[in-house]
């Protein structure tokens, strides 16, 4: 995995963490664990 793809996944994870009211229909590409 290249750094750009990793960064994109991190951004998606941060957005999911900041907006818990929005449930993602499908997990991020690297399926990072999201702690509720």
PDB file of N, CA and C in Angstrom:
ATOM      1  N   UNK A   1       0.858  -1.205   0.000  1.00  0.00           N
ATOM      2  CA  UNK A   1       0.000   0.000   0.000  1.00  0.00           C
ATOM      3  C   UNK A   1       0.890   1.250   0.000  1.00  0.00           C
ATOM      4  N   UNK A   2       0.576   2.171  -0.880  1.00  0.00           N
ATOM      5  CA  UNK A   2       1.373   3.397  -0.928  1.00  0.00           C
ATOM      6  C   UNK A   2       0.874   4.411   0.107  1.00  0.00           C
ATOM      7  N   UNK A   3       1.664   5.449   0.341  1.00  0.00           N
ATOM      8  CA  UNK A   3       1.348   6.427   1.388  1.00  0.00           C
ATOM      9  C   UNK A   3       0.089   7.231   1.061  1.00  0.00           C
ATOM     10  N   UNK A   4      -0.155   7.475  -0.235  1.00  0.00           N
ATOM     11  CA  UNK A   4      -1.328   8.255  -0.629  1.00  0.00           C
ATOM     12  C   UNK A   4      -2.615   7.504  -0.299  1.00  0.00           C
ATOM     13  N   UNK A   5      -2.623   6.209  -0.588  1.00  0.00           N
ATOM     14  CA  UNK A   5      -3.802   5.396  -0.293  1.00  0.00           C
ATOM     15  C   UNK A   5      -4.011   5.285   1.212  1.00  0.00           C
ATOM     16  N   UNK A   6      -2.903   5.156   1.940  1.00  0.00           N
ATOM     17  CA  UNK A   6      -2.982   5.089   3.402  1.00  0.00           C
ATOM     18  C   UNK A   6      -3.546   6.383   3.971  1.00  0.00           C
ATOM     19  N   UNK A   7      -3.102   7.513   3.420  1.00  0.00           N
ATOM     20  CA  UNK A   7      -3.580   8.817   3.869  1.00  0.00           C
ATOM     21  C   UNK A   7      -5.077   8.965   3.603  1.00  0.00           C
ATOM     22  N   UNK A   8      -5.527   8.517   2.434  1.00  0.00           N
ATOM     23  CA  UNK A   8      -6.950   8.591   2.085  1.00  0.00           C
ATOM     24  C   UNK A   8      -7.781   7.779   3.070  1.00  0.00           C
ATOM     25  N   UNK A   9      -7.294   6.587   3.414  1.00  0.00           N
ATOM     26  CA  UNK A   9      -8.002   5.738   4.370  1.00  0.00           C
ATOM     27  C   UNK A   9      -8.048   6.382   5.747  1.00  0.00           C
ATOM     28  N   UNK A  10      -6.962   7.047   6.121  1.00  0.00           N
ATOM     29  CA  UNK A  10      -6.911   7.736   7.409  1.00  0.00           C
ATOM     30  C   UNK A  10      -7.916   8.880   7.439  1.00  0.00           C
ATOM     31  N   UNK A  11      -8.015   9.613   6.340  1.00  0.00           N
ATOM     32  CA  UNK A  11      -8.976  10.715   6.238  1.00  0.00           C
ATOM     33  C   UNK A  11     -10.400  10.193   6.393  1.00  0.00           C
ATOM     34  N   UNK A  12     -10.698   9.070   5.733  1.00  0.00           N
ATOM     35  CA  UNK A  12     -12.021   8.465   5.827  1.00  0.00           C
ATOM     36  C   UNK A  12     -12.314   8.031   7.262  1.00  0.00           C
ATOM     37  N   UNK A  13     -11.288   7.482   7.927  1.00  0.00           N
ATOM     38  CA  UNK A  13     -11.454   7.030   9.305  1.00  0.00           C
ATOM     39  C   UNK A  13     -11.724   8.213  10.226  1.00  0.00           C
ATOM     40  N   UNK A  14     -11.003   9.319  10.009  1.00  0.00           N
ATOM     41  CA  UNK A  14     -11.193  10.519  10.825  1.00  0.00           C
ATOM     42  C   UNK A  14     -12.589  11.103  10.621  1.00  0.00           C
ATOM     43  N   UNK A  15     -13.049  11.128   9.372  1.00  0.00           N
ATOM     44  CA  UNK A  15     -14.384  11.640   9.081  1.00  0.00           C
ATOM     45  C   UNK A  15     -15.444  10.780   9.760  1.00  0.00           C
ATOM     46  N   UNK A  16     -15.228   9.477   9.752  1.00  0.00           N
ATOM     47  CA  UNK A  16     -16.167   8.557  10.392  1.00  0.00           C
ATOM     48  C   UNK A  16     -16.167   8.758  11.910  1.00  0.00           C
ATOM     49  N   UNK A  17     -14.983   9.005  12.468  1.00  0.00           N
ATOM     50  CA  UNK A  17     -14.862   9.194  13.911  1.00  0.00           C
ATOM     51  C   UNK A  17     -15.507  10.512  14.346  1.00  0.00           C
ATOM     52  N   UNK A  18     -15.339  11.551  13.521  1.00  0.00           N
ATOM     53  CA  UNK A  18     -15.893  12.864  13.864  1.00  0.00           C
ATOM     54  C   UNK A  18     -17.399  12.912  13.640  1.00  0.00           C
ATOM     55  N   UNK A  19     -17.893  12.131  12.690  1.00  0.00           N
ATOM     56  CA  UNK A  19     -19.329  12.139  12.394  1.00  0.00           C
ATOM     57  C   UNK A  19     -19.954  10.786  12.666  1.00  0.00           C
ATOM     58  N   UNK A  20     -20.014  10.404  13.950  1.00  0.00           N
ATOM     59  CA  UNK A  20     -20.536   9.085  14.312  1.00  0.00           C
ATOM     60  C   UNK A  20     -22.013   8.938  13.944  1.00  0.00           C
ATOM     61  N   UNK A  21     -22.711  10.059  13.760  1.00  0.00           N
ATOM     62  CA  UNK A  21     -24.122   9.963  13.393  1.00  0.00           C
ATOM     63  C   UNK A  21     -24.285   9.422  11.975  1.00  0.00           C
ATOM     64  N   UNK A  22     -23.211   9.535  11.191  1.00  0.00           N
ATOM     65  CA  UNK A  22     -23.252   9.010   9.824  1.00  0.00           C
ATOM     66  C   UNK A  22     -22.598   7.630   9.795  1.00  0.00           C
ATOM     67  N   UNK A  23     -23.403   6.597   9.641  1.00  0.00           N
ATOM     68  CA  UNK A  23     -22.873   5.234   9.603  1.00  0.00           C
ATOM     69  C   UNK A  23     -22.463   4.890   8.180  1.00  0.00           C
ATOM     70  N   UNK A  24     -21.206   4.480   8.001  1.00  0.00           N
ATOM     71  CA  UNK A  24     -20.719   4.119   6.670  1.00  0.00           C
ATOM     72  C   UNK A  24     -21.364   2.805   6.248  1.00  0.00           C
ATOM     73  N   UNK A  25     -21.911   2.766   5.031  1.00  0.00           N
ATOM     74  CA  UNK A  25     -22.537   1.553   4.514  1.00  0.00           C
ATOM     75  C   UNK A  25     -21.499   0.461   4.272  1.00  0.00           C
ATOM     76  N   UNK A  26     -20.306   0.859   3.873  1.00  0.00           N
ATOM     77  CA  UNK A  26     -19.231  -0.110   3.677  1.00  0.00           C
ATOM     78  C   UNK A  26     -17.964   0.368   4.364  1.00  0.00           C
ATOM     79  N   UNK A  27     -17.165  -0.556   4.895  1.00  0.00           N
ATOM     80  CA  UNK A  27     -15.963  -0.208   5.648  1.00  0.00           C
ATOM     81  C   UNK A  27     -14.896   0.401   4.757  1.00  0.00           C
ATOM     82  N   UNK A  28     -13.958   1.154   5.345  1.00  0.00           N
ATOM     83  CA  UNK A  28     -12.829   1.709   4.605  1.00  0.00           C
ATOM     84  C   UNK A  28     -12.028   0.615   3.924  1.00  0.00           C
ATOM     85  N   UNK A  29     -11.214   0.990   2.950  1.00  0.00           N
ATOM     86  CA  UNK A  29     -10.489   0.013   2.143  1.00  0.00           C
ATOM     87  C   UNK A  29      -9.607  -0.896   2.988  1.00  0.00           C
ATOM     88  N   UNK A  30      -8.941  -0.346   3.997  1.00  0.00           N
ATOM     89  CA  UNK A  30      -8.116  -1.222   4.828  1.00  0.00           C
ATOM     90  C   UNK A  30      -8.837  -1.654   6.092  1.00  0.00           C
ATOM     91  N   UNK A  31     -10.136  -1.339   6.177  1.00  0.00           N
ATOM     92  CA  UNK A  31     -10.971  -1.780   7.291  1.00  0.00           C
ATOM     93  C   UNK A  31     -10.336  -1.465   8.642  1.00  0.00           C
ATOM     94  N   UNK A  32     -10.093  -0.184   8.878  1.00  0.00           N
ATOM     95  CA  UNK A  32      -9.542   0.236  10.160  1.00  0.00           C
ATOM     96  C   UNK A  32     -10.595   0.059  11.253  1.00  0.00           C
ATOM     97  N   UNK A  33     -10.183  -0.412  12.413  1.00  0.00           N
ATOM     98  CA  UNK A  33     -11.122  -0.621  13.519  1.00  0.00           C
ATOM     99  C   UNK A  33     -11.683   0.705  14.032  1.00  0.00           C
ATOM    100  N   UNK A  34     -13.007   0.809  14.099  1.00  0.00           N
ATOM    101  CA  UNK A  34     -13.644   2.024  14.609  1.00  0.00           C
ATOM    102  C   UNK A  34     -14.239   1.730  15.988  1.00  0.00           C
ATOM    103  N   UNK A  35     -13.732   2.404  17.001  1.00  0.00           N
ATOM    104  CA  UNK A  35     -14.185   2.158  18.369  1.00  0.00           C
ATOM    105  C   UNK A  35     -15.412   3.012  18.669  1.00  0.00           C
ATOM    106  N   UNK A  36     -16.500   2.345  19.019  1.00  0.00           N
ATOM    107  CA  UNK A  36     -17.718   3.076  19.363  1.00  0.00           C
ATOM    108  C   UNK A  36     -17.667   3.536  20.805  1.00  0.00           C
TER     109      UNK A  36
END
